[in-house]
All heavy atoms as atom14 arrays in JSON, in Angstrom:
{
  "sequence": "LTRAQEAVWAAEAGAATCNQTAVGLENALELERAQGRQ",
  "atom14_mask": [
    [1, 1, 1, 1, 1, 1, 1, 1, 0, 0, 0, 0, 0, 0],
    [1, 1, 1, 1, 1, 1, 1, 0, 0, 0, 0, 0, 0, 0],
    [1, 1, 1, 1, 1, 1, 1, 1, 1, 1, 1, 0, 0, 0],
    [1, 1, 1, 1, 1, 0, 0, 0, 0, 0, 0, 0, 0, 0],
    [1, 1, 1, 1, 1, 1, 1, 1, 1, 0, 0, 0, 0, 0],
    [1, 1, 1, 1, 1, 1, 1, 1, 1, 0, 0, 0, 0, 0],
    [1, 1, 1, 1, 1, 0, 0, 0, 0, 0, 0, 0, 0, 0],
    [1, 1, 1, 1, 1, 1, 1, 0, 0, 0, 0, 0, 0, 0],
    [1, 1, 1, 1, 1, 1, 1, 1, 1, 1, 1, 1, 1, 1],
    [1, 1, 1, 1, 1, 0, 0, 0, 0, 0, 0, 0, 0, 0],
    [1, 1, 1, 1, 1, 0, 0, 0, 0, 0, 0, 0, 0, 0],
    [1, 1, 1, 1, 1, 1, 1, 1, 1, 0, 0, 0, 0, 0],
    [1, 1, 1, 1, 1, 0, 0, 0, 0, 0, 0, 0, 0, 0],
    [1, 1, 1, 1, 0, 0, 0, 0, 0, 0, 0, 0, 0, 0],
    [1, 1, 1, 1, 1, 0, 0, 0, 0, 0, 0, 0, 0, 0],
    [1, 1, 1, 1, 1, 0, 0, 0, 0, 0, 0, 0, 0, 0],
    [1, 1, 1, 1, 1, 1, 1, 0, 0, 0, 0, 0, 0, 0],
    [1, 1, 1, 1, 1, 1, 0, 0, 0, 0, 0, 0, 0, 0],
    [1, 1, 1, 1, 1, 1, 1, 1, 0, 0, 0, 0, 0, 0],
    [1, 1, 1, 1, 1, 1, 1, 1, 1, 0, 0, 0, 0, 0],
    [1, 1, 1, 1, 1, 1, 1, 0, 0, 0, 0, 0, 0, 0],
    [1, 1, 1, 1, 1, 0, 0, 0, 0, 0, 0, 0, 0, 0],
    [1, 1, 1, 1, 1, 1, 1, 0, 0, 0, 0, 0, 0, 0],
    [1, 1, 1, 1, 0, 0, 0, 0, 0, 0, 0, 0, 0, 0],
    [1, 1, 1, 1, 1, 1, 1, 1, 0, 0, 0, 0, 0, 0],
    [1, 1, 1, 1, 1, 1, 1, 1, 1, 0, 0, 0, 0, 0],
    [1, 1, 1, 1, 1, 1, 1, 1, 0, 0, 0, 0, 0, 0],
    [1, 1, 1, 1, 1, 0, 0, 0, 0, 0, 0, 0, 0, 0],
    [1, 1, 1, 1, 1, 1, 1, 1, 0, 0, 0, 0, 0, 0],
    [1, 1, 1, 1, 1, 1, 1, 1, 1, 0, 0, 0, 0, 0],
    [1, 1, 1, 1, 1, 1, 1, 1, 0, 0, 0, 0, 0, 0],
    [1, 1, 1, 1, 1, 1, 1, 1, 1, 0, 0, 0, 0, 0],
    [1, 1, 1, 1, 1, 1, 1, 1, 1, 1, 1, 0, 0, 0],
    [1, 1, 1, 1, 1, 0, 0, 0, 0, 0, 0, 0, 0, 0],
    [1, 1, 1, 1, 1, 1, 1, 1, 1, 0, 0, 0, 0, 0],
    [1, 1, 1, 1, 0, 0, 0, 0, 0, 0, 0, 0, 0, 0],
    [1, 1, 1, 1, 1, 1, 1, 1, 1, 1, 1, 0, 0, 0],
    [1, 1, 1, 1, 1, 1, 1, 1, 1, 0, 0, 0, 0, 0]
  ],
  "atom14_positions": [
    [[54.51, 36.93, 24.4], [55.08, 38.2, 24.86], [53.98, 39.26, 25.0], [53.96, 40.01, 25.98], [56.15, 38.67, 23.88], [56.8, 40.03, 24.17], [57.54, 39.97, 25.51], [57.73, 40.42, 23.06], [0.0, 0.0, 0.0], [0.0, 0.0, 0.0], [0.0, 0.0, 0.0], [0.0, 0.0, 0.0], [0.0, 0.0, 0.0], [0.0, 0.0, 0.0]],
    [[53.07, 39.29, 24.04], [51.97, 40.26, 24.11], [51.12, 40.0, 25.34], [50.75, 40.94, 26.06], [51.12, 40.17, 22.83], [51.95, 40.4, 21.7], [49.99, 41.18, 22.84], [0.0, 0.0, 0.0], [0.0, 0.0, 0.0], [0.0, 0.0, 0.0], [0.0, 0.0, 0.0], [0.0, 0.0, 0.0], [0.0, 0.0, 0.0], [0.0, 0.0, 0.0]],
    [[50.79, 38.72, 25.59], [50.0, 38.4, 26.78], [50.73, 38.77, 28.06], [50.14, 39.29, 29.0], [49.65, 36.91, 26.78], [48.45, 36.59, 25.92], [47.99, 35.15, 26.11], [48.2, 34.51, 24.82], [48.85, 33.39, 24.6], [49.35, 32.72, 25.6], [48.99, 32.9, 23.4], [0.0, 0.0, 0.0], [0.0, 0.0, 0.0], [0.0, 0.0, 0.0]],
    [[52.04, 38.51, 28.08], [52.83, 38.85, 29.27], [52.87, 40.36, 29.49], [52.74, 40.84, 30.62], [54.24, 38.3, 29.14], [0.0, 0.0, 0.0], [0.0, 0.0, 0.0], [0.0, 0.0, 0.0], [0.0, 0.0, 0.0], [0.0, 0.0, 0.0], [0.0, 0.0, 0.0], [0.0, 0.0, 0.0], [0.0, 0.0, 0.0], [0.0, 0.0, 0.0]],
    [[53.02, 41.12, 28.4], [53.03, 42.58, 28.53], [51.68, 43.08, 29.01], [51.61, 43.98, 29.86], [53.39, 43.22, 27.18], [54.84, 43.1, 26.82], [55.14, 43.62, 25.42], [54.26, 43.72, 24.58], [56.4, 43.96, 25.19], [0.0, 0.0, 0.0], [0.0, 0.0, 0.0], [0.0, 0.0, 0.0], [0.0, 0.0, 0.0], [0.0, 0.0, 0.0]],
    [[50.6, 42.5, 28.5], [49.27, 42.91, 28.96], [49.09, 42.59, 30.43], [48.5, 43.38, 31.18], [48.2, 42.22, 28.12], [48.1, 42.74, 26.7], [47.17, 41.91, 25.82], [46.67, 40.86, 26.3], [46.96, 42.31, 24.67], [0.0, 0.0, 0.0], [0.0, 0.0, 0.0], [0.0, 0.0, 0.0], [0.0, 0.0, 0.0], [0.0, 0.0, 0.0]],
    [[49.6, 41.44, 30.86], [49.5, 41.08, 32.27], [50.31, 42.05, 33.14], [49.86, 42.45, 34.22], [49.99, 39.64, 32.48], [0.0, 0.0, 0.0], [0.0, 0.0, 0.0], [0.0, 0.0, 0.0], [0.0, 0.0, 0.0], [0.0, 0.0, 0.0], [0.0, 0.0, 0.0], [0.0, 0.0, 0.0], [0.0, 0.0, 0.0], [0.0, 0.0, 0.0]],
    [[51.48, 42.44, 32.65], [52.31, 43.4, 33.39], [51.59, 44.75, 33.47], [51.56, 45.38, 34.54], [53.7, 43.54, 32.74], [54.45, 44.74, 33.27], [54.51, 42.28, 32.97], [0.0, 0.0, 0.0], [0.0, 0.0, 0.0], [0.0, 0.0, 0.0], [0.0, 0.0, 0.0], [0.0, 0.0, 0.0], [0.0, 0.0, 0.0], [0.0, 0.0, 0.0]],
    [[51.01, 45.17, 32.36], [50.29, 46.45, 32.37], [49.1, 46.39, 33.32], [48.83, 47.34, 34.05], [49.84, 46.83, 30.98], [50.95, 47.16, 30.03], [52.18, 47.68, 30.35], [50.97, 46.97, 28.62], [52.95, 47.83, 29.23], [52.23, 47.4, 28.14], [50.06, 46.48, 27.7], [52.58, 47.37, 26.79], [50.4, 46.46, 26.37], [51.65, 46.89, 25.93]],
    [[48.39, 45.26, 33.3], [47.25, 45.11, 34.21], [47.72, 45.11, 35.66], [47.08, 45.7, 36.53], [46.49, 43.83, 33.89], [0.0, 0.0, 0.0], [0.0, 0.0, 0.0], [0.0, 0.0, 0.0], [0.0, 0.0, 0.0], [0.0, 0.0, 0.0], [0.0, 0.0, 0.0], [0.0, 0.0, 0.0], [0.0, 0.0, 0.0], [0.0, 0.0, 0.0]],
    [[48.84, 44.44, 35.92], [49.39, 44.41, 37.28], [49.82, 45.8, 37.73], [49.61, 46.18, 38.88], [50.55, 43.43, 37.37], [0.0, 0.0, 0.0], [0.0, 0.0, 0.0], [0.0, 0.0, 0.0], [0.0, 0.0, 0.0], [0.0, 0.0, 0.0], [0.0, 0.0, 0.0], [0.0, 0.0, 0.0], [0.0, 0.0, 0.0], [0.0, 0.0, 0.0]],
    [[50.42, 46.54, 36.8], [50.82, 47.92, 37.14], [49.61, 48.78, 37.42], [49.62, 49.58, 38.36], [51.65, 48.52, 36.0], [53.05, 47.96, 35.91], [53.82, 48.49, 34.69], [53.21, 49.18, 33.86], [55.02, 48.2, 34.59], [0.0, 0.0, 0.0], [0.0, 0.0, 0.0], [0.0, 0.0, 0.0], [0.0, 0.0, 0.0], [0.0, 0.0, 0.0]],
    [[48.56, 48.6, 36.61], [47.33, 49.37, 36.85], [46.72, 48.95, 38.18], [46.25, 49.8, 38.95], [46.34, 49.14, 35.71], [0.0, 0.0, 0.0], [0.0, 0.0, 0.0], [0.0, 0.0, 0.0], [0.0, 0.0, 0.0], [0.0, 0.0, 0.0], [0.0, 0.0, 0.0], [0.0, 0.0, 0.0], [0.0, 0.0, 0.0], [0.0, 0.0, 0.0]],
    [[46.74, 47.64, 38.48], [46.23, 47.16, 39.76], [47.05, 47.67, 40.92], [46.52, 48.0, 41.97], [0.0, 0.0, 0.0], [0.0, 0.0, 0.0], [0.0, 0.0, 0.0], [0.0, 0.0, 0.0], [0.0, 0.0, 0.0], [0.0, 0.0, 0.0], [0.0, 0.0, 0.0], [0.0, 0.0, 0.0], [0.0, 0.0, 0.0], [0.0, 0.0, 0.0]],
    [[48.37, 47.72, 40.71], [49.25, 48.23, 41.77], [48.98, 49.71, 42.02], [48.97, 50.16, 43.17], [50.71, 48.01, 41.41], [0.0, 0.0, 0.0], [0.0, 0.0, 0.0], [0.0, 0.0, 0.0], [0.0, 0.0, 0.0], [0.0, 0.0, 0.0], [0.0, 0.0, 0.0], [0.0, 0.0, 0.0], [0.0, 0.0, 0.0], [0.0, 0.0, 0.0]],
    [[48.73, 50.45, 40.93], [48.43, 51.87, 41.09], [47.12, 52.04, 41.85], [47.01, 52.86, 42.76], [48.36, 52.56, 39.72], [0.0, 0.0, 0.0], [0.0, 0.0, 0.0], [0.0, 0.0, 0.0], [0.0, 0.0, 0.0], [0.0, 0.0, 0.0], [0.0, 0.0, 0.0], [0.0, 0.0, 0.0], [0.0, 0.0, 0.0], [0.0, 0.0, 0.0]],
    [[46.13, 51.22, 41.5], [44.85, 51.27, 42.2], [45.04, 50.85, 43.66], [44.48, 51.46, 44.56], [43.83, 50.34, 41.51], [43.72, 50.74, 40.15], [42.48, 50.41, 42.18], [0.0, 0.0, 0.0], [0.0, 0.0, 0.0], [0.0, 0.0, 0.0], [0.0, 0.0, 0.0], [0.0, 0.0, 0.0], [0.0, 0.0, 0.0], [0.0, 0.0, 0.0]],
    [[45.84, 49.82, 43.87], [46.11, 49.35, 45.23], [46.83, 50.43, 46.04], [46.51, 50.64, 47.21], [46.95, 48.08, 45.17], [47.23, 47.31, 46.77], [0.0, 0.0, 0.0], [0.0, 0.0, 0.0], [0.0, 0.0, 0.0], [0.0, 0.0, 0.0], [0.0, 0.0, 0.0], [0.0, 0.0, 0.0], [0.0, 0.0, 0.0], [0.0, 0.0, 0.0]],
    [[47.79, 51.11, 45.41], [48.5, 52.19, 46.1], [47.55, 53.32, 46.45], [47.62, 53.88, 47.54], [49.64, 52.71, 45.23], [50.8, 51.73, 45.15], [50.91, 50.84, 45.97], [51.65, 51.9, 44.16], [0.0, 0.0, 0.0], [0.0, 0.0, 0.0], [0.0, 0.0, 0.0], [0.0, 0.0, 0.0], [0.0, 0.0, 0.0], [0.0, 0.0, 0.0]],
    [[46.65, 53.65, 45.51], [45.68, 54.71, 45.8], [44.76, 54.29, 46.94], [44.43, 55.08, 47.82], [44.85, 55.02, 44.55], [45.63, 55.72, 43.46], [44.83, 55.87, 42.19], [43.76, 55.31, 42.05], [45.36, 56.64, 41.26], [0.0, 0.0, 0.0], [0.0, 0.0, 0.0], [0.0, 0.0, 0.0], [0.0, 0.0, 0.0], [0.0, 0.0, 0.0]],
    [[44.35, 53.02, 46.93], [43.49, 52.52, 48.0], [44.23, 52.53, 49.34], [43.66, 52.92, 50.36], [43.03, 51.08, 47.66], [42.38, 51.09, 46.4], [42.09, 50.55, 48.71], [0.0, 0.0, 0.0], [0.0, 0.0, 0.0], [0.0, 0.0, 0.0], [0.0, 0.0, 0.0], [0.0, 0.0, 0.0], [0.0, 0.0, 0.0], [0.0, 0.0, 0.0]],
    [[45.5, 52.13, 49.3], [46.3, 52.13, 50.54], [46.45, 53.55, 51.09], [46.33, 53.77, 52.29], [47.67, 51.51, 50.28], [0.0, 0.0, 0.0], [0.0, 0.0, 0.0], [0.0, 0.0, 0.0], [0.0, 0.0, 0.0], [0.0, 0.0, 0.0], [0.0, 0.0, 0.0], [0.0, 0.0, 0.0], [0.0, 0.0, 0.0], [0.0, 0.0, 0.0]],
    [[46.7, 54.5, 50.2], [46.82, 55.9, 50.64], [45.49, 56.38, 51.22], [45.44, 57.03, 52.27], [47.28, 56.8, 49.47], [47.12, 58.27, 49.81], [48.72, 56.48, 49.11], [0.0, 0.0, 0.0], [0.0, 0.0, 0.0], [0.0, 0.0, 0.0], [0.0, 0.0, 0.0], [0.0, 0.0, 0.0], [0.0, 0.0, 0.0], [0.0, 0.0, 0.0]],
    [[44.4, 56.02, 50.54], [43.07, 56.4, 51.05], [42.79, 55.78, 52.41], [42.26, 56.44, 53.31], [0.0, 0.0, 0.0], [0.0, 0.0, 0.0], [0.0, 0.0, 0.0], [0.0, 0.0, 0.0], [0.0, 0.0, 0.0], [0.0, 0.0, 0.0], [0.0, 0.0, 0.0], [0.0, 0.0, 0.0], [0.0, 0.0, 0.0], [0.0, 0.0, 0.0]],
    [[43.17, 54.5, 52.57], [42.96, 53.84, 53.86], [43.85, 54.42, 54.95], [43.42, 54.55, 56.1], [43.21, 52.34, 53.71], [42.16, 51.56, 52.92], [42.6, 50.11, 52.74], [40.81, 51.62, 53.59], [0.0, 0.0, 0.0], [0.0, 0.0, 0.0], [0.0, 0.0, 0.0], [0.0, 0.0, 0.0], [0.0, 0.0, 0.0], [0.0, 0.0, 0.0]],
    [[45.07, 54.78, 54.6], [45.95, 55.42, 55.58], [45.37, 56.77, 56.02], [45.4, 57.1, 57.22], [47.34, 55.61, 55.0], [48.15, 54.33, 54.89], [49.5, 54.53, 54.22], [49.81, 55.68, 53.83], [50.24, 53.55, 54.11], [0.0, 0.0, 0.0], [0.0, 0.0, 0.0], [0.0, 0.0, 0.0], [0.0, 0.0, 0.0], [0.0, 0.0, 0.0]],
    [[44.85, 57.53, 55.07], [44.23, 58.82, 55.41], [43.01, 58.6, 56.3], [42.82, 59.33, 57.29], [43.85, 59.58, 54.15], [45.06, 60.07, 53.38], [46.16, 60.16, 53.92], [44.87, 60.39, 52.12], [0.0, 0.0, 0.0], [0.0, 0.0, 0.0], [0.0, 0.0, 0.0], [0.0, 0.0, 0.0], [0.0, 0.0, 0.0], [0.0, 0.0, 0.0]],
    [[42.18, 57.61, 55.96], [41.0, 57.32, 56.77], [41.4, 56.86, 58.17], [40.78, 57.25, 59.16], [40.14, 56.26, 56.09], [0.0, 0.0, 0.0], [0.0, 0.0, 0.0], [0.0, 0.0, 0.0], [0.0, 0.0, 0.0], [0.0, 0.0, 0.0], [0.0, 0.0, 0.0], [0.0, 0.0, 0.0], [0.0, 0.0, 0.0], [0.0, 0.0, 0.0]],
    [[42.45, 56.04, 58.26], [42.94, 55.57, 59.55], [43.44, 56.73, 60.4], [43.15, 56.81, 61.6], [44.04, 54.52, 59.36], [44.66, 53.95, 60.63], [43.61, 53.2, 61.44], [45.83, 53.05, 60.28], [0.0, 0.0, 0.0], [0.0, 0.0, 0.0], [0.0, 0.0, 0.0], [0.0, 0.0, 0.0], [0.0, 0.0, 0.0], [0.0, 0.0, 0.0]],
    [[44.17, 57.63, 59.79], [44.68, 58.8, 60.51], [43.52, 59.67, 61.0], [43.54, 60.18, 62.13], [45.63, 59.6, 59.61], [46.37, 60.7, 60.33], [47.22, 60.19, 61.47], [47.84, 59.12, 61.35], [47.27, 60.89, 62.51], [0.0, 0.0, 0.0], [0.0, 0.0, 0.0], [0.0, 0.0, 0.0], [0.0, 0.0, 0.0], [0.0, 0.0, 0.0]],
    [[42.49, 59.82, 60.15], [41.31, 60.58, 60.55], [40.6, 59.9, 61.72], [40.2, 60.57, 62.68], [40.36, 60.73, 59.35], [39.1, 61.53, 59.57], [39.45, 62.99, 59.89], [38.2, 61.46, 58.35], [0.0, 0.0, 0.0], [0.0, 0.0, 0.0], [0.0, 0.0, 0.0], [0.0, 0.0, 0.0], [0.0, 0.0, 0.0], [0.0, 0.0, 0.0]],
    [[40.48, 58.57, 61.66], [39.85, 57.83, 62.76], [40.67, 57.97, 64.04], [40.12, 58.09, 65.13], [39.7, 56.35, 62.38], [38.61, 56.07, 61.38], [37.23, 56.37, 61.91], [36.97, 56.12, 63.11], [36.41, 56.88, 61.13], [0.0, 0.0, 0.0], [0.0, 0.0, 0.0], [0.0, 0.0, 0.0], [0.0, 0.0, 0.0], [0.0, 0.0, 0.0]],
    [[41.99, 57.91, 63.91], [42.84, 58.09, 65.09], [42.64, 59.47, 65.71], [42.57, 59.61, 66.93], [44.3, 57.88, 64.72], [44.68, 56.44, 64.51], [46.13, 56.3, 64.13], [46.48, 54.91, 63.89], [47.56, 54.52, 63.28], [48.43, 55.42, 62.84], [47.81, 53.25, 63.09], [0.0, 0.0, 0.0], [0.0, 0.0, 0.0], [0.0, 0.0, 0.0]],
    [[42.58, 60.48, 64.84], [42.37, 61.84, 65.34], [41.01, 61.94, 66.04], [40.9, 62.55, 67.12], [42.47, 62.85, 64.2], [0.0, 0.0, 0.0], [0.0, 0.0, 0.0], [0.0, 0.0, 0.0], [0.0, 0.0, 0.0], [0.0, 0.0, 0.0], [0.0, 0.0, 0.0], [0.0, 0.0, 0.0], [0.0, 0.0, 0.0], [0.0, 0.0, 0.0]],
    [[39.99, 61.34, 65.44], [38.67, 61.37, 66.07], [38.69, 60.59, 67.38], [38.05, 61.0, 68.36], [37.61, 60.79, 65.13], [37.29, 61.69, 63.95], [36.29, 61.06, 62.99], [35.97, 59.89, 63.1], [35.81, 61.86, 62.05], [0.0, 0.0, 0.0], [0.0, 0.0, 0.0], [0.0, 0.0, 0.0], [0.0, 0.0, 0.0], [0.0, 0.0, 0.0]],
    [[39.43, 59.46, 67.39], [39.56, 58.69, 68.64], [40.24, 59.5, 69.73], [39.84, 59.44, 70.89], [0.0, 0.0, 0.0], [0.0, 0.0, 0.0], [0.0, 0.0, 0.0], [0.0, 0.0, 0.0], [0.0, 0.0, 0.0], [0.0, 0.0, 0.0], [0.0, 0.0, 0.0], [0.0, 0.0, 0.0], [0.0, 0.0, 0.0], [0.0, 0.0, 0.0]],
    [[41.28, 60.26, 69.36], [41.95, 61.11, 70.36], [41.0, 62.2, 70.87], [40.98, 62.51, 72.07], [43.21, 61.73, 69.75], [44.36, 60.76, 69.59], [45.65, 61.45, 69.21], [45.59, 62.06, 67.89], [46.0, 61.49, 66.76], [46.51, 60.28, 66.79], [45.9, 62.12, 65.61], [0.0, 0.0, 0.0], [0.0, 0.0, 0.0], [0.0, 0.0, 0.0]],
    [[40.2, 62.76, 69.94], [39.24, 63.78, 70.37], [38.2, 63.17, 71.3], [37.83, 63.78, 72.33], [38.55, 64.4, 69.15], [39.43, 65.31, 68.32], [38.73, 65.79, 67.06], [37.65, 65.32, 66.71], [39.36, 66.74, 66.38], [0.0, 0.0, 0.0], [0.0, 0.0, 0.0], [0.0, 0.0, 0.0], [0.0, 0.0, 0.0], [0.0, 0.0, 0.0]]
  ]
}
């Protein structure tokens, strides 16, 4: 149970990092699109 909880916590931390990365990539993509339109 302890190992499973640690794995869940690690997955949640990874998901949070993944979400932050996805948000950063979406922002970068939007910036690139704006630059492409310019």
